[in-house]
Amino acid sequence: MFLARVEGNVVATRKHRSMEGWRLLICQPINGAGQPEGSPQVAIDPHGAALHQRVVISSDGAATRKAVGDERSPARWMVVGVVDEAA
């Protein structure tokens, strides 16, 4: 699992059938100080995260494929939580 920041949405006119109906986000992994760390990843989002919001993403492809209901899906990354920014 990684801490990441939502950098944008993915718009696709064609995508694998297992991803239809899922919102896809571009998530930039970040370190504890909020600095970019590694390459951005495309993740499915069942939680409705907003632009620039911090999220927790998982690279557990088996869990992601189970969530989309297709064991042959190319999906790997999934938003597993939205970071609460309580003051």
Protein backbone atom coordinates (compact mmCIF):
# COMPACT_ATOMS: atom_id res chain seq x y z
CA MET A 1 0.00 0.00 0.00
CA PHE A 2 1.12 3.51 -0.79
CA LEU A 3 0.11 7.01 0.15
CA ALA A 4 -0.74 8.94 -3.04
CA ARG A 5 -2.28 12.17 -4.29
CA VAL A 6 -5.03 12.19 -6.94
CA GLU A 7 -3.66 14.07 -9.95
CA GLY A 8 -6.51 13.56 -12.42
CA ASN A 9 -9.12 11.35 -14.07
CA VAL A 10 -8.61 8.92 -16.91
CA VAL A 11 -11.02 9.25 -19.82
CA ALA A 12 -11.13 6.29 -22.19
CA THR A 13 -13.42 5.75 -25.15
CA ARG A 14 -12.43 2.08 -25.11
CA LYS A 15 -11.32 0.03 -22.15
CA HIS A 16 -11.36 -3.56 -20.94
CA ARG A 17 -14.93 -4.67 -20.22
CA SER A 18 -14.07 -5.35 -16.57
CA MET A 19 -13.35 -1.64 -16.06
CA GLU A 20 -16.62 -0.34 -17.47
CA GLY A 21 -18.55 1.56 -14.83
CA TRP A 22 -15.44 2.15 -12.71
CA ARG A 23 -13.93 5.56 -12.17
CA LEU A 24 -10.21 5.58 -13.05
CA LEU A 25 -7.81 7.99 -11.36
CA ILE A 26 -4.20 9.02 -11.92
CA CYS A 27 -2.57 8.66 -8.50
CA GLN A 28 0.93 9.97 -7.76
CA PRO A 29 2.61 8.04 -4.91
CA ILE A 30 4.01 10.44 -2.31
CA ASN A 31 6.24 10.22 0.76
CA GLY A 32 5.31 11.37 4.27
CA ALA A 33 6.30 14.95 3.41
CA GLY A 34 3.98 14.95 0.38
CA GLN A 35 6.78 14.83 -2.22
CA PRO A 36 6.33 12.67 -5.34
CA GLU A 37 7.88 9.23 -5.07
CA GLY A 38 7.91 6.94 -8.08
CA SER A 39 5.71 6.89 -11.17
CA PRO A 40 2.02 7.82 -11.28
CA GLN A 41 -0.38 4.87 -11.37
CA VAL A 42 -3.89 4.43 -12.76
CA ALA A 43 -6.20 3.08 -10.05
CA ILE A 44 -9.88 2.17 -9.94
CA ASP A 45 -11.76 4.27 -7.39
CA PRO A 46 -14.74 2.85 -5.50
CA HIS A 47 -14.66 5.71 -2.95
CA GLY A 48 -15.14 8.89 -5.00
CA ALA A 49 -11.84 10.59 -4.16
CA ALA A 50 -11.48 14.23 -5.24
CA LEU A 51 -8.74 15.93 -7.24
CA HIS A 52 -5.58 16.55 -5.13
CA GLN A 53 -6.98 14.50 -2.23
CA ARG A 54 -4.63 12.10 -0.48
CA VAL A 55 -5.56 8.43 -0.83
CA VAL A 56 -4.17 5.01 0.01
CA ILE A 57 -3.67 2.82 -3.06
CA SER A 58 -2.96 -0.90 -3.20
CA SER A 59 -1.10 -2.82 -5.90
CA ASP A 60 -2.78 -6.10 -4.90
CA GLY A 61 -3.92 -7.13 -8.38
CA ALA A 62 -5.79 -10.21 -7.13
CA ALA A 63 -7.97 -8.09 -4.81
CA THR A 64 -8.53 -5.52 -7.55
CA ARG A 65 -9.56 -8.19 -10.06
CA LYS A 66 -11.93 -9.66 -7.48
CA ALA A 67 -13.46 -6.20 -6.93
CA VAL A 68 -14.12 -5.74 -10.66
CA GLY A 69 -15.44 -9.31 -10.91
CA ASP A 70 -13.09 -10.58 -13.63
CA GLU A 71 -10.06 -12.78 -12.93
CA ARG A 72 -8.65 -11.91 -16.37
CA SER A 73 -8.88 -8.15 -15.88
CA PRO A 74 -5.72 -6.08 -16.45
CA ALA A 75 -6.63 -3.97 -13.38
CA ARG A 76 -3.92 -3.87 -10.72
CA TRP A 77 -4.21 -0.68 -8.64
CA MET A 78 -7.17 0.30 -6.48
CA VAL A 79 -7.93 3.17 -4.10
CA VAL A 80 -8.53 1.43 -0.76
CA GLY A 81 -9.04 4.52 1.36
CA VAL A 82 -9.31 8.30 1.40
CA VAL A 83 -7.07 10.06 3.93
CA ASP A 84 -9.07 12.05 6.48
CA GLU A 85 -7.60 15.51 6.87
CA ALA A 86 -9.12 16.44 10.22
CA ALA A 87 -7.64 19.56 11.79
